[in-house]
PDBML (XML) file of the C-alpha atoms, coordinates in Angstrom:
<?xml version="1.0" encoding="UTF-8" ?>
<PDBx:datablock datablockName="MODEL"
   xmlns:PDBx="http://pdbml.pdb.org/schema/pdbx-v50.xsd"
   xmlns:xsi="http://www.w3.org/2001/XMLSchema-instance"
   xsi:schemaLocation="http://pdbml.pdb.org/schema/pdbx-v50.xsd pdbx-v50.xsd">
   <PDBx:atom_siteCategory>
      <PDBx:atom_site id="1">
         <PDBx:B_iso_or_equiv>0.00</PDBx:B_iso_or_equiv>
         <PDBx:Cartn_x>0.083</PDBx:Cartn_x>
         <PDBx:Cartn_y>0.126</PDBx:Cartn_y>
         <PDBx:Cartn_z>0.050</PDBx:Cartn_z>
         <PDBx:auth_asym_id>A</PDBx:auth_asym_id>
         <PDBx:auth_atom_id>CA</PDBx:auth_atom_id>
         <PDBx:auth_comp_id>LEU</PDBx:auth_comp_id>
         <PDBx:auth_seq_id>1</PDBx:auth_seq_id>
         <PDBx:group_PDB>ATOM</PDBx:group_PDB>
         <PDBx:label_alt_id xsi:nil="true" />
         <PDBx:label_asym_id>A</PDBx:label_asym_id>
         <PDBx:label_atom_id>CA</PDBx:label_atom_id>
         <PDBx:label_comp_id>LEU</PDBx:label_comp_id>
         <PDBx:label_entity_id>1</PDBx:label_entity_id>
         <PDBx:label_seq_id>1</PDBx:label_seq_id>
         <PDBx:occupancy>1.00</PDBx:occupancy>
         <PDBx:pdbx_PDB_model_num>1</PDBx:pdbx_PDB_model_num>
         <PDBx:type_symbol>C</PDBx:type_symbol>
      </PDBx:atom_site>
      <PDBx:atom_site id="2">
         <PDBx:B_iso_or_equiv>0.00</PDBx:B_iso_or_equiv>
         <PDBx:Cartn_x>2.766</PDBx:Cartn_x>
         <PDBx:Cartn_y>2.430</PDBx:Cartn_y>
         <PDBx:Cartn_z>0.854</PDBx:Cartn_z>
         <PDBx:auth_asym_id>A</PDBx:auth_asym_id>
         <PDBx:auth_atom_id>CA</PDBx:auth_atom_id>
         <PDBx:auth_comp_id>ARG</PDBx:auth_comp_id>
         <PDBx:auth_seq_id>2</PDBx:auth_seq_id>
         <PDBx:group_PDB>ATOM</PDBx:group_PDB>
         <PDBx:label_alt_id xsi:nil="true" />
         <PDBx:label_asym_id>A</PDBx:label_asym_id>
         <PDBx:label_atom_id>CA</PDBx:label_atom_id>
         <PDBx:label_comp_id>ARG</PDBx:label_comp_id>
         <PDBx:label_entity_id>1</PDBx:label_entity_id>
         <PDBx:label_seq_id>2</PDBx:label_seq_id>
         <PDBx:occupancy>1.00</PDBx:occupancy>
         <PDBx:pdbx_PDB_model_num>1</PDBx:pdbx_PDB_model_num>
         <PDBx:type_symbol>C</PDBx:type_symbol>
      </PDBx:atom_site>
      <PDBx:atom_site id="3">
         <PDBx:B_iso_or_equiv>0.00</PDBx:B_iso_or_equiv>
         <PDBx:Cartn_x>4.503</PDBx:Cartn_x>
         <PDBx:Cartn_y>1.862</PDBx:Cartn_y>
         <PDBx:Cartn_z>-2.379</PDBx:Cartn_z>
         <PDBx:auth_asym_id>A</PDBx:auth_asym_id>
         <PDBx:auth_atom_id>CA</PDBx:auth_atom_id>
         <PDBx:auth_comp_id>MET</PDBx:auth_comp_id>
         <PDBx:auth_seq_id>3</PDBx:auth_seq_id>
         <PDBx:group_PDB>ATOM</PDBx:group_PDB>
         <PDBx:label_alt_id xsi:nil="true" />
         <PDBx:label_asym_id>A</PDBx:label_asym_id>
         <PDBx:label_atom_id>CA</PDBx:label_atom_id>
         <PDBx:label_comp_id>MET</PDBx:label_comp_id>
         <PDBx:label_entity_id>1</PDBx:label_entity_id>
         <PDBx:label_seq_id>3</PDBx:label_seq_id>
         <PDBx:occupancy>1.00</PDBx:occupancy>
         <PDBx:pdbx_PDB_model_num>1</PDBx:pdbx_PDB_model_num>
         <PDBx:type_symbol>C</PDBx:type_symbol>
      </PDBx:atom_site>
      <PDBx:atom_site id="4">
         <PDBx:B_iso_or_equiv>0.00</PDBx:B_iso_or_equiv>
         <PDBx:Cartn_x>1.146</PDBx:Cartn_x>
         <PDBx:Cartn_y>2.674</PDBx:Cartn_y>
         <PDBx:Cartn_z>-4.293</PDBx:Cartn_z>
         <PDBx:auth_asym_id>A</PDBx:auth_asym_id>
         <PDBx:auth_atom_id>CA</PDBx:auth_atom_id>
         <PDBx:auth_comp_id>ILE</PDBx:auth_comp_id>
         <PDBx:auth_seq_id>4</PDBx:auth_seq_id>
         <PDBx:group_PDB>ATOM</PDBx:group_PDB>
         <PDBx:label_alt_id xsi:nil="true" />
         <PDBx:label_asym_id>A</PDBx:label_asym_id>
         <PDBx:label_atom_id>CA</PDBx:label_atom_id>
         <PDBx:label_comp_id>ILE</PDBx:label_comp_id>
         <PDBx:label_entity_id>1</PDBx:label_entity_id>
         <PDBx:label_seq_id>4</PDBx:label_seq_id>
         <PDBx:occupancy>1.00</PDBx:occupancy>
         <PDBx:pdbx_PDB_model_num>1</PDBx:pdbx_PDB_model_num>
         <PDBx:type_symbol>C</PDBx:type_symbol>
      </PDBx:atom_site>
      <PDBx:atom_site id="5">
         <PDBx:B_iso_or_equiv>0.00</PDBx:B_iso_or_equiv>
         <PDBx:Cartn_x>0.924</PDBx:Cartn_x>
         <PDBx:Cartn_y>5.911</PDBx:Cartn_y>
         <PDBx:Cartn_z>-2.126</PDBx:Cartn_z>
         <PDBx:auth_asym_id>A</PDBx:auth_asym_id>
         <PDBx:auth_atom_id>CA</PDBx:auth_atom_id>
         <PDBx:auth_comp_id>ALA</PDBx:auth_comp_id>
         <PDBx:auth_seq_id>5</PDBx:auth_seq_id>
         <PDBx:group_PDB>ATOM</PDBx:group_PDB>
         <PDBx:label_alt_id xsi:nil="true" />
         <PDBx:label_asym_id>A</PDBx:label_asym_id>
         <PDBx:label_atom_id>CA</PDBx:label_atom_id>
         <PDBx:label_comp_id>ALA</PDBx:label_comp_id>
         <PDBx:label_entity_id>1</PDBx:label_entity_id>
         <PDBx:label_seq_id>5</PDBx:label_seq_id>
         <PDBx:occupancy>1.00</PDBx:occupancy>
         <PDBx:pdbx_PDB_model_num>1</PDBx:pdbx_PDB_model_num>
         <PDBx:type_symbol>C</PDBx:type_symbol>
      </PDBx:atom_site>
      <PDBx:atom_site id="6">
         <PDBx:B_iso_or_equiv>0.00</PDBx:B_iso_or_equiv>
         <PDBx:Cartn_x>4.661</PDBx:Cartn_x>
         <PDBx:Cartn_y>6.703</PDBx:Cartn_y>
         <PDBx:Cartn_z>-2.901</PDBx:Cartn_z>
         <PDBx:auth_asym_id>A</PDBx:auth_asym_id>
         <PDBx:auth_atom_id>CA</PDBx:auth_atom_id>
         <PDBx:auth_comp_id>GLY</PDBx:auth_comp_id>
         <PDBx:auth_seq_id>6</PDBx:auth_seq_id>
         <PDBx:group_PDB>ATOM</PDBx:group_PDB>
         <PDBx:label_alt_id xsi:nil="true" />
         <PDBx:label_asym_id>A</PDBx:label_asym_id>
         <PDBx:label_atom_id>CA</PDBx:label_atom_id>
         <PDBx:label_comp_id>GLY</PDBx:label_comp_id>
         <PDBx:label_entity_id>1</PDBx:label_entity_id>
         <PDBx:label_seq_id>6</PDBx:label_seq_id>
         <PDBx:occupancy>1.00</PDBx:occupancy>
         <PDBx:pdbx_PDB_model_num>1</PDBx:pdbx_PDB_model_num>
         <PDBx:type_symbol>C</PDBx:type_symbol>
      </PDBx:atom_site>
      <PDBx:atom_site id="7">
         <PDBx:B_iso_or_equiv>0.00</PDBx:B_iso_or_equiv>
         <PDBx:Cartn_x>5.726</PDBx:Cartn_x>
         <PDBx:Cartn_y>6.464</PDBx:Cartn_y>
         <PDBx:Cartn_z>0.747</PDBx:Cartn_z>
         <PDBx:auth_asym_id>A</PDBx:auth_asym_id>
         <PDBx:auth_atom_id>CA</PDBx:auth_atom_id>
         <PDBx:auth_comp_id>LEU</PDBx:auth_comp_id>
         <PDBx:auth_seq_id>7</PDBx:auth_seq_id>
         <PDBx:group_PDB>ATOM</PDBx:group_PDB>
         <PDBx:label_alt_id xsi:nil="true" />
         <PDBx:label_asym_id>A</PDBx:label_asym_id>
         <PDBx:label_atom_id>CA</PDBx:label_atom_id>
         <PDBx:label_comp_id>LEU</PDBx:label_comp_id>
         <PDBx:label_entity_id>1</PDBx:label_entity_id>
         <PDBx:label_seq_id>7</PDBx:label_seq_id>
         <PDBx:occupancy>1.00</PDBx:occupancy>
         <PDBx:pdbx_PDB_model_num>1</PDBx:pdbx_PDB_model_num>
         <PDBx:type_symbol>C</PDBx:type_symbol>
      </PDBx:atom_site>
      <PDBx:atom_site id="8">
         <PDBx:B_iso_or_equiv>0.00</PDBx:B_iso_or_equiv>
         <PDBx:Cartn_x>7.917</PDBx:Cartn_x>
         <PDBx:Cartn_y>3.571</PDBx:Cartn_y>
         <PDBx:Cartn_z>-0.081</PDBx:Cartn_z>
         <PDBx:auth_asym_id>A</PDBx:auth_asym_id>
         <PDBx:auth_atom_id>CA</PDBx:auth_atom_id>
         <PDBx:auth_comp_id>GLU</PDBx:auth_comp_id>
         <PDBx:auth_seq_id>8</PDBx:auth_seq_id>
         <PDBx:group_PDB>ATOM</PDBx:group_PDB>
         <PDBx:label_alt_id xsi:nil="true" />
         <PDBx:label_asym_id>A</PDBx:label_asym_id>
         <PDBx:label_atom_id>CA</PDBx:label_atom_id>
         <PDBx:label_comp_id>GLU</PDBx:label_comp_id>
         <PDBx:label_entity_id>1</PDBx:label_entity_id>
         <PDBx:label_seq_id>8</PDBx:label_seq_id>
         <PDBx:occupancy>1.00</PDBx:occupancy>
         <PDBx:pdbx_PDB_model_num>1</PDBx:pdbx_PDB_model_num>
         <PDBx:type_symbol>C</PDBx:type_symbol>
      </PDBx:atom_site>
      <PDBx:atom_site id="9">
         <PDBx:B_iso_or_equiv>0.00</PDBx:B_iso_or_equiv>
         <PDBx:Cartn_x>10.372</PDBx:Cartn_x>
         <PDBx:Cartn_y>3.181</PDBx:Cartn_y>
         <PDBx:Cartn_z>-3.156</PDBx:Cartn_z>
         <PDBx:auth_asym_id>A</PDBx:auth_asym_id>
         <PDBx:auth_atom_id>CA</PDBx:auth_atom_id>
         <PDBx:auth_comp_id>ASP</PDBx:auth_comp_id>
         <PDBx:auth_seq_id>9</PDBx:auth_seq_id>
         <PDBx:group_PDB>ATOM</PDBx:group_PDB>
         <PDBx:label_alt_id xsi:nil="true" />
         <PDBx:label_asym_id>A</PDBx:label_asym_id>
         <PDBx:label_atom_id>CA</PDBx:label_atom_id>
         <PDBx:label_comp_id>ASP</PDBx:label_comp_id>
         <PDBx:label_entity_id>1</PDBx:label_entity_id>
         <PDBx:label_seq_id>9</PDBx:label_seq_id>
         <PDBx:occupancy>1.00</PDBx:occupancy>
         <PDBx:pdbx_PDB_model_num>1</PDBx:pdbx_PDB_model_num>
         <PDBx:type_symbol>C</PDBx:type_symbol>
      </PDBx:atom_site>
      <PDBx:atom_site id="10">
         <PDBx:B_iso_or_equiv>0.00</PDBx:B_iso_or_equiv>
         <PDBx:Cartn_x>9.611</PDBx:Cartn_x>
         <PDBx:Cartn_y>0.541</PDBx:Cartn_y>
         <PDBx:Cartn_z>-5.632</PDBx:Cartn_z>
         <PDBx:auth_asym_id>A</PDBx:auth_asym_id>
         <PDBx:auth_atom_id>CA</PDBx:auth_atom_id>
         <PDBx:auth_comp_id>ILE</PDBx:auth_comp_id>
         <PDBx:auth_seq_id>10</PDBx:auth_seq_id>
         <PDBx:group_PDB>ATOM</PDBx:group_PDB>
         <PDBx:label_alt_id xsi:nil="true" />
         <PDBx:label_asym_id>A</PDBx:label_asym_id>
         <PDBx:label_atom_id>CA</PDBx:label_atom_id>
         <PDBx:label_comp_id>ILE</PDBx:label_comp_id>
         <PDBx:label_entity_id>1</PDBx:label_entity_id>
         <PDBx:label_seq_id>10</PDBx:label_seq_id>
         <PDBx:occupancy>1.00</PDBx:occupancy>
         <PDBx:pdbx_PDB_model_num>1</PDBx:pdbx_PDB_model_num>
         <PDBx:type_symbol>C</PDBx:type_symbol>
      </PDBx:atom_site>
      <PDBx:atom_site id="11">
         <PDBx:B_iso_or_equiv>0.00</PDBx:B_iso_or_equiv>
         <PDBx:Cartn_x>12.791</PDBx:Cartn_x>
         <PDBx:Cartn_y>-1.728</PDBx:Cartn_y>
         <PDBx:Cartn_z>-6.027</PDBx:Cartn_z>
         <PDBx:auth_asym_id>A</PDBx:auth_asym_id>
         <PDBx:auth_atom_id>CA</PDBx:auth_atom_id>
         <PDBx:auth_comp_id>SER</PDBx:auth_comp_id>
         <PDBx:auth_seq_id>11</PDBx:auth_seq_id>
         <PDBx:group_PDB>ATOM</PDBx:group_PDB>
         <PDBx:label_alt_id xsi:nil="true" />
         <PDBx:label_asym_id>A</PDBx:label_asym_id>
         <PDBx:label_atom_id>CA</PDBx:label_atom_id>
         <PDBx:label_comp_id>SER</PDBx:label_comp_id>
         <PDBx:label_entity_id>1</PDBx:label_entity_id>
         <PDBx:label_seq_id>11</PDBx:label_seq_id>
         <PDBx:occupancy>1.00</PDBx:occupancy>
         <PDBx:pdbx_PDB_model_num>1</PDBx:pdbx_PDB_model_num>
         <PDBx:type_symbol>C</PDBx:type_symbol>
      </PDBx:atom_site>
      <PDBx:atom_site id="12">
         <PDBx:B_iso_or_equiv>0.00</PDBx:B_iso_or_equiv>
         <PDBx:Cartn_x>11.613</PDBx:Cartn_x>
         <PDBx:Cartn_y>-2.986</PDBx:Cartn_y>
         <PDBx:Cartn_z>-9.263</PDBx:Cartn_z>
         <PDBx:auth_asym_id>A</PDBx:auth_asym_id>
         <PDBx:auth_atom_id>CA</PDBx:auth_atom_id>
         <PDBx:auth_comp_id>SER</PDBx:auth_comp_id>
         <PDBx:auth_seq_id>12</PDBx:auth_seq_id>
         <PDBx:group_PDB>ATOM</PDBx:group_PDB>
         <PDBx:label_alt_id xsi:nil="true" />
         <PDBx:label_asym_id>A</PDBx:label_asym_id>
         <PDBx:label_atom_id>CA</PDBx:label_atom_id>
         <PDBx:label_comp_id>SER</PDBx:label_comp_id>
         <PDBx:label_entity_id>1</PDBx:label_entity_id>
         <PDBx:label_seq_id>12</PDBx:label_seq_id>
         <PDBx:occupancy>1.00</PDBx:occupancy>
         <PDBx:pdbx_PDB_model_num>1</PDBx:pdbx_PDB_model_num>
         <PDBx:type_symbol>C</PDBx:type_symbol>
      </PDBx:atom_site>
      <PDBx:atom_site id="13">
         <PDBx:B_iso_or_equiv>0.00</PDBx:B_iso_or_equiv>
         <PDBx:Cartn_x>8.581</PDBx:Cartn_x>
         <PDBx:Cartn_y>-3.429</PDBx:Cartn_y>
         <PDBx:Cartn_z>-11.396</PDBx:Cartn_z>
         <PDBx:auth_asym_id>A</PDBx:auth_asym_id>
         <PDBx:auth_atom_id>CA</PDBx:auth_atom_id>
         <PDBx:auth_comp_id>GLY</PDBx:auth_comp_id>
         <PDBx:auth_seq_id>13</PDBx:auth_seq_id>
         <PDBx:group_PDB>ATOM</PDBx:group_PDB>
         <PDBx:label_alt_id xsi:nil="true" />
         <PDBx:label_asym_id>A</PDBx:label_asym_id>
         <PDBx:label_atom_id>CA</PDBx:label_atom_id>
         <PDBx:label_comp_id>GLY</PDBx:label_comp_id>
         <PDBx:label_entity_id>1</PDBx:label_entity_id>
         <PDBx:label_seq_id>13</PDBx:label_seq_id>
         <PDBx:occupancy>1.00</PDBx:occupancy>
         <PDBx:pdbx_PDB_model_num>1</PDBx:pdbx_PDB_model_num>
         <PDBx:type_symbol>C</PDBx:type_symbol>
      </PDBx:atom_site>
      <PDBx:atom_site id="14">
         <PDBx:B_iso_or_equiv>0.00</PDBx:B_iso_or_equiv>
         <PDBx:Cartn_x>5.844</PDBx:Cartn_x>
         <PDBx:Cartn_y>-1.093</PDBx:Cartn_y>
         <PDBx:Cartn_z>-12.646</PDBx:Cartn_z>
         <PDBx:auth_asym_id>A</PDBx:auth_asym_id>
         <PDBx:auth_atom_id>CA</PDBx:auth_atom_id>
         <PDBx:auth_comp_id>GLU</PDBx:auth_comp_id>
         <PDBx:auth_seq_id>14</PDBx:auth_seq_id>
         <PDBx:group_PDB>ATOM</PDBx:group_PDB>
         <PDBx:label_alt_id xsi:nil="true" />
         <PDBx:label_asym_id>A</PDBx:label_asym_id>
         <PDBx:label_atom_id>CA</PDBx:label_atom_id>
         <PDBx:label_comp_id>GLU</PDBx:label_comp_id>
         <PDBx:label_entity_id>1</PDBx:label_entity_id>
         <PDBx:label_seq_id>14</PDBx:label_seq_id>
         <PDBx:occupancy>1.00</PDBx:occupancy>
         <PDBx:pdbx_PDB_model_num>1</PDBx:pdbx_PDB_model_num>
         <PDBx:type_symbol>C</PDBx:type_symbol>
      </PDBx:atom_site>
      <PDBx:atom_site id="15">
         <PDBx:B_iso_or_equiv>0.00</PDBx:B_iso_or_equiv>
         <PDBx:Cartn_x>3.211</PDBx:Cartn_x>
         <PDBx:Cartn_y>0.696</PDBx:Cartn_y>
         <PDBx:Cartn_z>-10.878</PDBx:Cartn_z>
         <PDBx:auth_asym_id>A</PDBx:auth_asym_id>
         <PDBx:auth_atom_id>CA</PDBx:auth_atom_id>
         <PDBx:auth_comp_id>LEU</PDBx:auth_comp_id>
         <PDBx:auth_seq_id>15</PDBx:auth_seq_id>
         <PDBx:group_PDB>ATOM</PDBx:group_PDB>
         <PDBx:label_alt_id xsi:nil="true" />
         <PDBx:label_asym_id>A</PDBx:label_asym_id>
         <PDBx:label_atom_id>CA</PDBx:label_atom_id>
         <PDBx:label_comp_id>LEU</PDBx:label_comp_id>
         <PDBx:label_entity_id>1</PDBx:label_entity_id>
         <PDBx:label_seq_id>15</PDBx:label_seq_id>
         <PDBx:occupancy>1.00</PDBx:occupancy>
         <PDBx:pdbx_PDB_model_num>1</PDBx:pdbx_PDB_model_num>
         <PDBx:type_symbol>C</PDBx:type_symbol>
      </PDBx:atom_site>
      <PDBx:atom_site id="16">
         <PDBx:B_iso_or_equiv>0.00</PDBx:B_iso_or_equiv>
         <PDBx:Cartn_x>0.418</PDBx:Cartn_x>
         <PDBx:Cartn_y>2.087</PDBx:Cartn_y>
         <PDBx:Cartn_z>-13.248</PDBx:Cartn_z>
         <PDBx:auth_asym_id>A</PDBx:auth_asym_id>
         <PDBx:auth_atom_id>CA</PDBx:auth_atom_id>
         <PDBx:auth_comp_id>ILE</PDBx:auth_comp_id>
         <PDBx:auth_seq_id>16</PDBx:auth_seq_id>
         <PDBx:group_PDB>ATOM</PDBx:group_PDB>
         <PDBx:label_alt_id xsi:nil="true" />
         <PDBx:label_asym_id>A</PDBx:label_asym_id>
         <PDBx:label_atom_id>CA</PDBx:label_atom_id>
         <PDBx:label_comp_id>ILE</PDBx:label_comp_id>
         <PDBx:label_entity_id>1</PDBx:label_entity_id>
         <PDBx:label_seq_id>16</PDBx:label_seq_id>
         <PDBx:occupancy>1.00</PDBx:occupancy>
         <PDBx:pdbx_PDB_model_num>1</PDBx:pdbx_PDB_model_num>
         <PDBx:type_symbol>C</PDBx:type_symbol>
      </PDBx:atom_site>
      <PDBx:atom_site id="17">
         <PDBx:B_iso_or_equiv>0.00</PDBx:B_iso_or_equiv>
         <PDBx:Cartn_x>-2.276</PDBx:Cartn_x>
         <PDBx:Cartn_y>4.535</PDBx:Cartn_y>
         <PDBx:Cartn_z>-11.978</PDBx:Cartn_z>
         <PDBx:auth_asym_id>A</PDBx:auth_asym_id>
         <PDBx:auth_atom_id>CA</PDBx:auth_atom_id>
         <PDBx:auth_comp_id>ILE</PDBx:auth_comp_id>
         <PDBx:auth_seq_id>17</PDBx:auth_seq_id>
         <PDBx:group_PDB>ATOM</PDBx:group_PDB>
         <PDBx:label_alt_id xsi:nil="true" />
         <PDBx:label_asym_id>A</PDBx:label_asym_id>
         <PDBx:label_atom_id>CA</PDBx:label_atom_id>
         <PDBx:label_comp_id>ILE</PDBx:label_comp_id>
         <PDBx:label_entity_id>1</PDBx:label_entity_id>
         <PDBx:label_seq_id>17</PDBx:label_seq_id>
         <PDBx:occupancy>1.00</PDBx:occupancy>
         <PDBx:pdbx_PDB_model_num>1</PDBx:pdbx_PDB_model_num>
         <PDBx:type_symbol>C</PDBx:type_symbol>
      </PDBx:atom_site>
      <PDBx:atom_site id="18">
         <PDBx:B_iso_or_equiv>0.00</PDBx:B_iso_or_equiv>
         <PDBx:Cartn_x>-4.806</PDBx:Cartn_x>
         <PDBx:Cartn_y>5.102</PDBx:Cartn_y>
         <PDBx:Cartn_z>-14.688</PDBx:Cartn_z>
         <PDBx:auth_asym_id>A</PDBx:auth_asym_id>
         <PDBx:auth_atom_id>CA</PDBx:auth_atom_id>
         <PDBx:auth_comp_id>GLY</PDBx:auth_comp_id>
         <PDBx:auth_seq_id>18</PDBx:auth_seq_id>
         <PDBx:group_PDB>ATOM</PDBx:group_PDB>
         <PDBx:label_alt_id xsi:nil="true" />
         <PDBx:label_asym_id>A</PDBx:label_asym_id>
         <PDBx:label_atom_id>CA</PDBx:label_atom_id>
         <PDBx:label_comp_id>GLY</PDBx:label_comp_id>
         <PDBx:label_entity_id>1</PDBx:label_entity_id>
         <PDBx:label_seq_id>18</PDBx:label_seq_id>
         <PDBx:occupancy>1.00</PDBx:occupancy>
         <PDBx:pdbx_PDB_model_num>1</PDBx:pdbx_PDB_model_num>
         <PDBx:type_symbol>C</PDBx:type_symbol>
      </PDBx:atom_site>
      <PDBx:atom_site id="19">
         <PDBx:B_iso_or_equiv>0.00</PDBx:B_iso_or_equiv>
         <PDBx:Cartn_x>-2.621</PDBx:Cartn_x>
         <PDBx:Cartn_y>5.022</PDBx:Cartn_y>
         <PDBx:Cartn_z>-17.753</PDBx:Cartn_z>
         <PDBx:auth_asym_id>A</PDBx:auth_asym_id>
         <PDBx:auth_atom_id>CA</PDBx:auth_atom_id>
         <PDBx:auth_comp_id>ASP</PDBx:auth_comp_id>
         <PDBx:auth_seq_id>19</PDBx:auth_seq_id>
         <PDBx:group_PDB>ATOM</PDBx:group_PDB>
         <PDBx:label_alt_id xsi:nil="true" />
         <PDBx:label_asym_id>A</PDBx:label_asym_id>
         <PDBx:label_atom_id>CA</PDBx:label_atom_id>
         <PDBx:label_comp_id>ASP</PDBx:label_comp_id>
         <PDBx:label_entity_id>1</PDBx:label_entity_id>
         <PDBx:label_seq_id>19</PDBx:label_seq_id>
         <PDBx:occupancy>1.00</PDBx:occupancy>
         <PDBx:pdbx_PDB_model_num>1</PDBx:pdbx_PDB_model_num>
         <PDBx:type_symbol>C</PDBx:type_symbol>
      </PDBx:atom_site>
      <PDBx:atom_site id="20">
         <PDBx:B_iso_or_equiv>0.00</PDBx:B_iso_or_equiv>
         <PDBx:Cartn_x>0.604</PDBx:Cartn_x>
         <PDBx:Cartn_y>6.590</PDBx:Cartn_y>
         <PDBx:Cartn_z>-16.189</PDBx:Cartn_z>
         <PDBx:auth_asym_id>A</PDBx:auth_asym_id>
         <PDBx:auth_atom_id>CA</PDBx:auth_atom_id>
         <PDBx:auth_comp_id>LYS</PDBx:auth_comp_id>
         <PDBx:auth_seq_id>20</PDBx:auth_seq_id>
         <PDBx:group_PDB>ATOM</PDBx:group_PDB>
         <PDBx:label_alt_id xsi:nil="true" />
         <PDBx:label_asym_id>A</PDBx:label_asym_id>
         <PDBx:label_atom_id>CA</PDBx:label_atom_id>
         <PDBx:label_comp_id>LYS</PDBx:label_comp_id>
         <PDBx:label_entity_id>1</PDBx:label_entity_id>
         <PDBx:label_seq_id>20</PDBx:label_seq_id>
         <PDBx:occupancy>1.00</PDBx:occupancy>
         <PDBx:pdbx_PDB_model_num>1</PDBx:pdbx_PDB_model_num>
         <PDBx:type_symbol>C</PDBx:type_symbol>
      </PDBx:atom_site>
      <PDBx:atom_site id="21">
         <PDBx:B_iso_or_equiv>0.00</PDBx:B_iso_or_equiv>
         <PDBx:Cartn_x>3.468</PDBx:Cartn_x>
         <PDBx:Cartn_y>4.799</PDBx:Cartn_y>
         <PDBx:Cartn_z>-14.872</PDBx:Cartn_z>
         <PDBx:auth_asym_id>A</PDBx:auth_asym_id>
         <PDBx:auth_atom_id>CA</PDBx:auth_atom_id>
         <PDBx:auth_comp_id>VAL</PDBx:auth_comp_id>
         <PDBx:auth_seq_id>21</PDBx:auth_seq_id>
         <PDBx:group_PDB>ATOM</PDBx:group_PDB>
         <PDBx:label_alt_id xsi:nil="true" />
         <PDBx:label_asym_id>A</PDBx:label_asym_id>
         <PDBx:label_atom_id>CA</PDBx:label_atom_id>
         <PDBx:label_comp_id>VAL</PDBx:label_comp_id>
         <PDBx:label_entity_id>1</PDBx:label_entity_id>
         <PDBx:label_seq_id>21</PDBx:label_seq_id>
         <PDBx:occupancy>1.00</PDBx:occupancy>
         <PDBx:pdbx_PDB_model_num>1</PDBx:pdbx_PDB_model_num>
         <PDBx:type_symbol>C</PDBx:type_symbol>
      </PDBx:atom_site>
      <PDBx:atom_site id="22">
         <PDBx:B_iso_or_equiv>0.00</PDBx:B_iso_or_equiv>
         <PDBx:Cartn_x>4.026</PDBx:Cartn_x>
         <PDBx:Cartn_y>6.608</PDBx:Cartn_y>
         <PDBx:Cartn_z>-11.276</PDBx:Cartn_z>
         <PDBx:auth_asym_id>A</PDBx:auth_asym_id>
         <PDBx:auth_atom_id>CA</PDBx:auth_atom_id>
         <PDBx:auth_comp_id>VAL</PDBx:auth_comp_id>
         <PDBx:auth_seq_id>22</PDBx:auth_seq_id>
         <PDBx:group_PDB>ATOM</PDBx:group_PDB>
         <PDBx:label_alt_id xsi:nil="true" />
         <PDBx:label_asym_id>A</PDBx:label_asym_id>
         <PDBx:label_atom_id>CA</PDBx:label_atom_id>
         <PDBx:label_comp_id>VAL</PDBx:label_comp_id>
         <PDBx:label_entity_id>1</PDBx:label_entity_id>
         <PDBx:label_seq_id>22</PDBx:label_seq_id>
         <PDBx:occupancy>1.00</PDBx:occupancy>
         <PDBx:pdbx_PDB_model_num>1</PDBx:pdbx_PDB_model_num>
         <PDBx:type_symbol>C</PDBx:type_symbol>
      </PDBx:atom_site>
      <PDBx:atom_site id="23">
         <PDBx:B_iso_or_equiv>0.00</PDBx:B_iso_or_equiv>
         <PDBx:Cartn_x>7.071</PDBx:Cartn_x>
         <PDBx:Cartn_y>4.773</PDBx:Cartn_y>
         <PDBx:Cartn_z>-10.091</PDBx:Cartn_z>
         <PDBx:auth_asym_id>A</PDBx:auth_asym_id>
         <PDBx:auth_atom_id>CA</PDBx:auth_atom_id>
         <PDBx:auth_comp_id>ASN</PDBx:auth_comp_id>
         <PDBx:auth_seq_id>23</PDBx:auth_seq_id>
         <PDBx:group_PDB>ATOM</PDBx:group_PDB>
         <PDBx:label_alt_id xsi:nil="true" />
         <PDBx:label_asym_id>A</PDBx:label_asym_id>
         <PDBx:label_atom_id>CA</PDBx:label_atom_id>
         <PDBx:label_comp_id>ASN</PDBx:label_comp_id>
         <PDBx:label_entity_id>1</PDBx:label_entity_id>
         <PDBx:label_seq_id>23</PDBx:label_seq_id>
         <PDBx:occupancy>1.00</PDBx:occupancy>
         <PDBx:pdbx_PDB_model_num>1</PDBx:pdbx_PDB_model_num>
         <PDBx:type_symbol>C</PDBx:type_symbol>
      </PDBx:atom_site>
      <PDBx:atom_site id="24">
         <PDBx:B_iso_or_equiv>0.00</PDBx:B_iso_or_equiv>
         <PDBx:Cartn_x>8.878</PDBx:Cartn_x>
         <PDBx:Cartn_y>8.020</PDBx:Cartn_y>
         <PDBx:Cartn_z>-9.864</PDBx:Cartn_z>
         <PDBx:auth_asym_id>A</PDBx:auth_asym_id>
         <PDBx:auth_atom_id>CA</PDBx:auth_atom_id>
         <PDBx:auth_comp_id>ASN</PDBx:auth_comp_id>
         <PDBx:auth_seq_id>24</PDBx:auth_seq_id>
         <PDBx:group_PDB>ATOM</PDBx:group_PDB>
         <PDBx:label_alt_id xsi:nil="true" />
         <PDBx:label_asym_id>A</PDBx:label_asym_id>
         <PDBx:label_atom_id>CA</PDBx:label_atom_id>
         <PDBx:label_comp_id>ASN</PDBx:label_comp_id>
         <PDBx:label_entity_id>1</PDBx:label_entity_id>
         <PDBx:label_seq_id>24</PDBx:label_seq_id>
         <PDBx:occupancy>1.00</PDBx:occupancy>
         <PDBx:pdbx_PDB_model_num>1</PDBx:pdbx_PDB_model_num>
         <PDBx:type_symbol>C</PDBx:type_symbol>
      </PDBx:atom_site>
      <PDBx:atom_site id="25">
         <PDBx:B_iso_or_equiv>0.00</PDBx:B_iso_or_equiv>
         <PDBx:Cartn_x>6.043</PDBx:Cartn_x>
         <PDBx:Cartn_y>10.368</PDBx:Cartn_y>
         <PDBx:Cartn_z>-9.258</PDBx:Cartn_z>
         <PDBx:auth_asym_id>A</PDBx:auth_asym_id>
         <PDBx:auth_atom_id>CA</PDBx:auth_atom_id>
         <PDBx:auth_comp_id>VAL</PDBx:auth_comp_id>
         <PDBx:auth_seq_id>25</PDBx:auth_seq_id>
         <PDBx:group_PDB>ATOM</PDBx:group_PDB>
         <PDBx:label_alt_id xsi:nil="true" />
         <PDBx:label_asym_id>A</PDBx:label_asym_id>
         <PDBx:label_atom_id>CA</PDBx:label_atom_id>
         <PDBx:label_comp_id>VAL</PDBx:label_comp_id>
         <PDBx:label_entity_id>1</PDBx:label_entity_id>
         <PDBx:label_seq_id>25</PDBx:label_seq_id>
         <PDBx:occupancy>1.00</PDBx:occupancy>
         <PDBx:pdbx_PDB_model_num>1</PDBx:pdbx_PDB_model_num>
         <PDBx:type_symbol>C</PDBx:type_symbol>
      </PDBx:atom_site>
   </PDBx:atom_siteCategory>
</PDBx:datablock>
């Protein structure tokens, strides 16, 4: 959940909200 929120960095893989990759947002 914290990775989805952006409170934890994602070590690998992709998180997409809507149609946008938000790993570094």
